[in-house]
């Protein structure tokens, strides 16, 4: 198997406009702090009928369980 050196080996976080490597715990904390203000009815998700059933299932689970929102729509109904 050929190794790609352009592949990410750790999360990157933006600091003063530049990306730097970070640990997974720091990266997850930044993700949570960025999403927290948008939890509940402030969050909405639109999924696509061209995605797999599994992908759409995980998207709606994320919206409902993680973000606490029932604002989910799909192009399936058009």
N, C-alpha and C. Protein backbone atom coordinates (compact mmCIF):
# COMPACT_ATOMS: atom_id res chain seq x y z
N UNK A 1 0.84 -1.18 0.00
CA UNK A 1 0.00 0.00 0.00
C UNK A 1 0.88 1.25 0.00
N UNK A 2 0.63 2.12 -0.93
CA UNK A 2 1.41 3.35 -1.05
C UNK A 2 0.94 4.37 -0.02
N UNK A 3 1.87 4.98 0.67
CA UNK A 3 1.54 5.97 1.71
C UNK A 3 1.45 7.36 1.10
N UNK A 4 0.40 8.08 1.48
CA UNK A 4 0.22 9.44 1.01
C UNK A 4 0.67 10.41 2.11
N UNK A 5 1.61 11.25 1.80
CA UNK A 5 2.12 12.19 2.79
C UNK A 5 1.27 13.44 2.88
N UNK A 6 0.26 13.58 2.02
CA UNK A 6 -0.63 14.73 2.11
C UNK A 6 -1.84 14.43 2.99
N UNK A 7 -1.88 13.23 3.54
CA UNK A 7 -2.99 12.81 4.38
C UNK A 7 -2.84 13.38 5.79
N UNK A 8 -3.96 13.81 6.38
CA UNK A 8 -3.93 14.33 7.74
C UNK A 8 -3.69 13.21 8.72
N UNK A 9 -2.85 13.46 9.70
CA UNK A 9 -2.57 12.46 10.73
C UNK A 9 -3.08 12.88 12.10
N UNK A 10 -3.54 14.12 12.22
CA UNK A 10 -4.13 14.61 13.46
C UNK A 10 -5.08 15.74 13.11
N UNK A 11 -5.99 16.07 14.02
CA UNK A 11 -6.88 17.20 13.75
C UNK A 11 -6.10 18.50 13.64
N UNK A 12 -6.64 19.43 12.86
CA UNK A 12 -6.05 20.75 12.74
C UNK A 12 -7.04 21.77 13.30
N UNK A 13 -6.54 22.76 14.02
CA UNK A 13 -7.38 23.85 14.53
C UNK A 13 -6.80 25.17 14.04
N UNK A 14 -7.69 26.13 13.84
CA UNK A 14 -7.27 27.43 13.35
C UNK A 14 -6.97 28.33 14.54
N UNK A 15 -5.78 28.93 14.51
CA UNK A 15 -5.36 29.84 15.57
C UNK A 15 -4.65 31.02 14.92
N UNK A 16 -5.19 32.20 15.12
CA UNK A 16 -4.65 33.43 14.52
C UNK A 16 -4.54 33.31 13.00
N UNK A 17 -5.52 32.65 12.39
CA UNK A 17 -5.55 32.54 10.94
C UNK A 17 -4.77 31.38 10.36
N UNK A 18 -3.98 30.69 11.18
CA UNK A 18 -3.17 29.57 10.70
C UNK A 18 -3.69 28.26 11.29
N UNK A 19 -3.50 27.18 10.53
CA UNK A 19 -3.86 25.86 11.03
C UNK A 19 -2.67 25.25 11.74
N UNK A 20 -2.97 24.59 12.89
CA UNK A 20 -1.92 23.90 13.62
C UNK A 20 -2.46 22.55 14.10
N UNK A 21 -1.59 21.55 14.24
CA UNK A 21 -2.04 20.25 14.74
C UNK A 21 -2.53 20.38 16.18
N UNK A 22 -3.54 19.59 16.52
CA UNK A 22 -4.09 19.60 17.88
C UNK A 22 -4.47 18.18 18.27
N UNK A 23 -4.68 17.97 19.54
CA UNK A 23 -5.16 16.68 20.01
C UNK A 23 -6.65 16.54 19.74
N UNK A 24 -7.14 15.31 19.79
CA UNK A 24 -8.55 15.06 19.52
C UNK A 24 -9.45 15.72 20.56
N UNK A 25 -9.02 15.74 21.82
CA UNK A 25 -9.83 16.34 22.87
C UNK A 25 -10.02 17.85 22.62
N UNK A 26 -8.95 18.53 22.28
CA UNK A 26 -9.05 19.97 21.99
C UNK A 26 -9.93 20.22 20.77
N UNK A 27 -9.76 19.40 19.73
CA UNK A 27 -10.56 19.57 18.52
C UNK A 27 -12.04 19.36 18.81
N UNK A 28 -12.38 18.34 19.59
CA UNK A 28 -13.78 18.07 19.93
C UNK A 28 -14.36 19.19 20.78
N UNK A 29 -13.58 19.73 21.70
CA UNK A 29 -14.05 20.85 22.52
C UNK A 29 -14.38 22.06 21.66
N UNK A 30 -13.56 22.31 20.64
CA UNK A 30 -13.82 23.43 19.74
C UNK A 30 -15.07 23.19 18.90
N UNK A 31 -15.28 21.96 18.47
CA UNK A 31 -16.48 21.62 17.70
C UNK A 31 -17.73 21.85 18.55
N UNK A 32 -17.70 21.33 19.78
CA UNK A 32 -18.85 21.46 20.67
C UNK A 32 -19.13 22.93 20.99
N UNK A 33 -18.10 23.70 21.27
CA UNK A 33 -18.32 25.11 21.60
C UNK A 33 -18.85 25.88 20.39
N UNK A 34 -18.50 25.45 19.19
CA UNK A 34 -19.02 26.11 17.99
C UNK A 34 -20.46 25.74 17.69
N UNK A 35 -20.86 24.50 18.01
CA UNK A 35 -22.22 24.05 17.74
C UNK A 35 -23.21 24.43 18.83
N UNK A 36 -22.74 24.56 20.07
CA UNK A 36 -23.63 24.79 21.21
C UNK A 36 -24.60 25.96 21.02
N UNK A 37 -24.17 27.12 20.49
CA UNK A 37 -25.13 28.23 20.32
C UNK A 37 -26.25 27.94 19.34
N UNK A 38 -26.12 26.91 18.52
CA UNK A 38 -27.10 26.60 17.49
C UNK A 38 -27.97 25.41 17.84
N UNK A 39 -27.91 24.95 19.08
CA UNK A 39 -28.69 23.78 19.48
C UNK A 39 -30.17 24.14 19.59
N UNK A 40 -31.02 23.13 19.51
CA UNK A 40 -32.47 23.33 19.61
C UNK A 40 -33.05 23.80 18.30
N UNK A 41 -34.07 24.64 18.41
CA UNK A 41 -34.79 25.10 17.22
C UNK A 41 -33.96 25.99 16.31
N UNK A 42 -32.82 26.46 16.77
CA UNK A 42 -31.96 27.29 15.93
C UNK A 42 -31.24 26.45 14.87
N UNK A 43 -31.29 25.14 15.00
CA UNK A 43 -30.57 24.25 14.10
C UNK A 43 -31.55 23.58 13.14
N UNK A 44 -31.17 23.49 11.88
CA UNK A 44 -31.96 22.78 10.89
C UNK A 44 -31.05 21.97 10.00
N UNK A 45 -31.57 20.89 9.46
CA UNK A 45 -30.76 20.00 8.63
C UNK A 45 -31.55 19.64 7.38
N UNK A 46 -30.89 19.67 6.25
CA UNK A 46 -31.49 19.27 4.98
C UNK A 46 -30.69 18.11 4.43
N UNK A 47 -31.34 17.00 4.15
CA UNK A 47 -30.64 15.83 3.62
C UNK A 47 -31.02 15.62 2.16
N UNK A 48 -30.33 14.71 1.52
CA UNK A 48 -30.49 14.51 0.09
C UNK A 48 -30.91 13.07 -0.22
N UNK A 49 -31.80 12.91 -1.17
CA UNK A 49 -32.27 11.58 -1.55
C UNK A 49 -31.19 10.77 -2.26
N UNK A 50 -30.15 11.44 -2.74
CA UNK A 50 -29.07 10.71 -3.41
C UNK A 50 -28.09 10.09 -2.43
N UNK A 51 -28.19 10.47 -1.16
CA UNK A 51 -27.35 9.86 -0.13
C UNK A 51 -27.94 8.49 0.23
N UNK A 52 -27.15 7.67 0.86
CA UNK A 52 -27.64 6.34 1.25
C UNK A 52 -28.63 6.48 2.41
N UNK A 53 -29.44 5.45 2.60
CA UNK A 53 -30.35 5.43 3.74
C UNK A 53 -29.59 5.56 5.04
N UNK A 54 -28.43 4.92 5.12
CA UNK A 54 -27.63 4.96 6.33
C UNK A 54 -27.14 6.38 6.62
N UNK A 55 -26.72 7.09 5.58
CA UNK A 55 -26.27 8.46 5.76
C UNK A 55 -27.40 9.36 6.22
N UNK A 56 -28.57 9.23 5.59
CA UNK A 56 -29.72 10.03 5.99
C UNK A 56 -30.17 9.68 7.41
N UNK A 57 -30.10 8.41 7.78
CA UNK A 57 -30.45 7.99 9.13
C UNK A 57 -29.52 8.64 10.14
N UNK A 58 -28.22 8.61 9.87
CA UNK A 58 -27.26 9.21 10.80
C UNK A 58 -27.42 10.73 10.87
N UNK A 59 -27.76 11.35 9.76
CA UNK A 59 -27.97 12.80 9.76
C UNK A 59 -29.17 13.17 10.64
N UNK A 60 -30.28 12.44 10.51
CA UNK A 60 -31.44 12.76 11.34
C UNK A 60 -31.18 12.42 12.79
N UNK A 61 -30.42 11.37 13.07
CA UNK A 61 -30.06 11.04 14.45
C UNK A 61 -29.21 12.14 15.06
N UNK A 62 -28.27 12.67 14.28
CA UNK A 62 -27.43 13.77 14.75
C UNK A 62 -28.29 14.98 15.08
N UNK A 63 -29.20 15.33 14.17
CA UNK A 63 -30.05 16.49 14.38
C UNK A 63 -30.92 16.33 15.63
N UNK A 64 -31.50 15.15 15.80
CA UNK A 64 -32.42 14.93 16.92
C UNK A 64 -31.69 14.73 18.24
N UNK A 65 -30.70 13.84 18.26
CA UNK A 65 -30.07 13.43 19.52
C UNK A 65 -28.97 14.39 19.97
N UNK A 66 -28.17 14.88 19.05
CA UNK A 66 -27.05 15.74 19.42
C UNK A 66 -27.47 17.20 19.48
N UNK A 67 -28.16 17.65 18.43
CA UNK A 67 -28.51 19.07 18.34
C UNK A 67 -29.87 19.39 18.97
N UNK A 68 -30.66 18.37 19.28
CA UNK A 68 -31.94 18.60 19.94
C UNK A 68 -32.96 19.31 19.06
N UNK A 69 -32.94 19.02 17.77
CA UNK A 69 -33.82 19.70 16.82
C UNK A 69 -34.62 18.69 16.00
N UNK A 70 -35.86 19.01 15.76
CA UNK A 70 -36.68 18.22 14.84
C UNK A 70 -36.80 18.91 13.49
N UNK A 71 -36.03 19.96 13.26
CA UNK A 71 -36.04 20.70 12.01
C UNK A 71 -35.23 19.96 10.96
N UNK A 72 -35.84 18.93 10.38
CA UNK A 72 -35.16 18.08 9.40
C UNK A 72 -36.03 18.02 8.16
N UNK A 73 -35.43 18.24 7.01
CA UNK A 73 -36.17 18.17 5.76
C UNK A 73 -35.33 17.41 4.74
N UNK A 74 -35.96 17.03 3.67
CA UNK A 74 -35.27 16.25 2.65
C UNK A 74 -35.85 16.55 1.29
N UNK A 75 -35.05 16.38 0.25
CA UNK A 75 -35.55 16.58 -1.10
C UNK A 75 -36.34 15.35 -1.56
N UNK A 76 -36.48 14.34 -0.71
CA UNK A 76 -37.26 13.14 -1.05
C UNK A 76 -38.74 13.48 -1.30
N UNK A 77 -39.25 14.49 -0.63
CA UNK A 77 -40.68 14.78 -0.71
C UNK A 77 -41.05 15.67 -1.89
N UNK A 78 -40.09 16.11 -2.68
CA UNK A 78 -40.41 17.00 -3.80
C UNK A 78 -40.76 16.24 -5.04
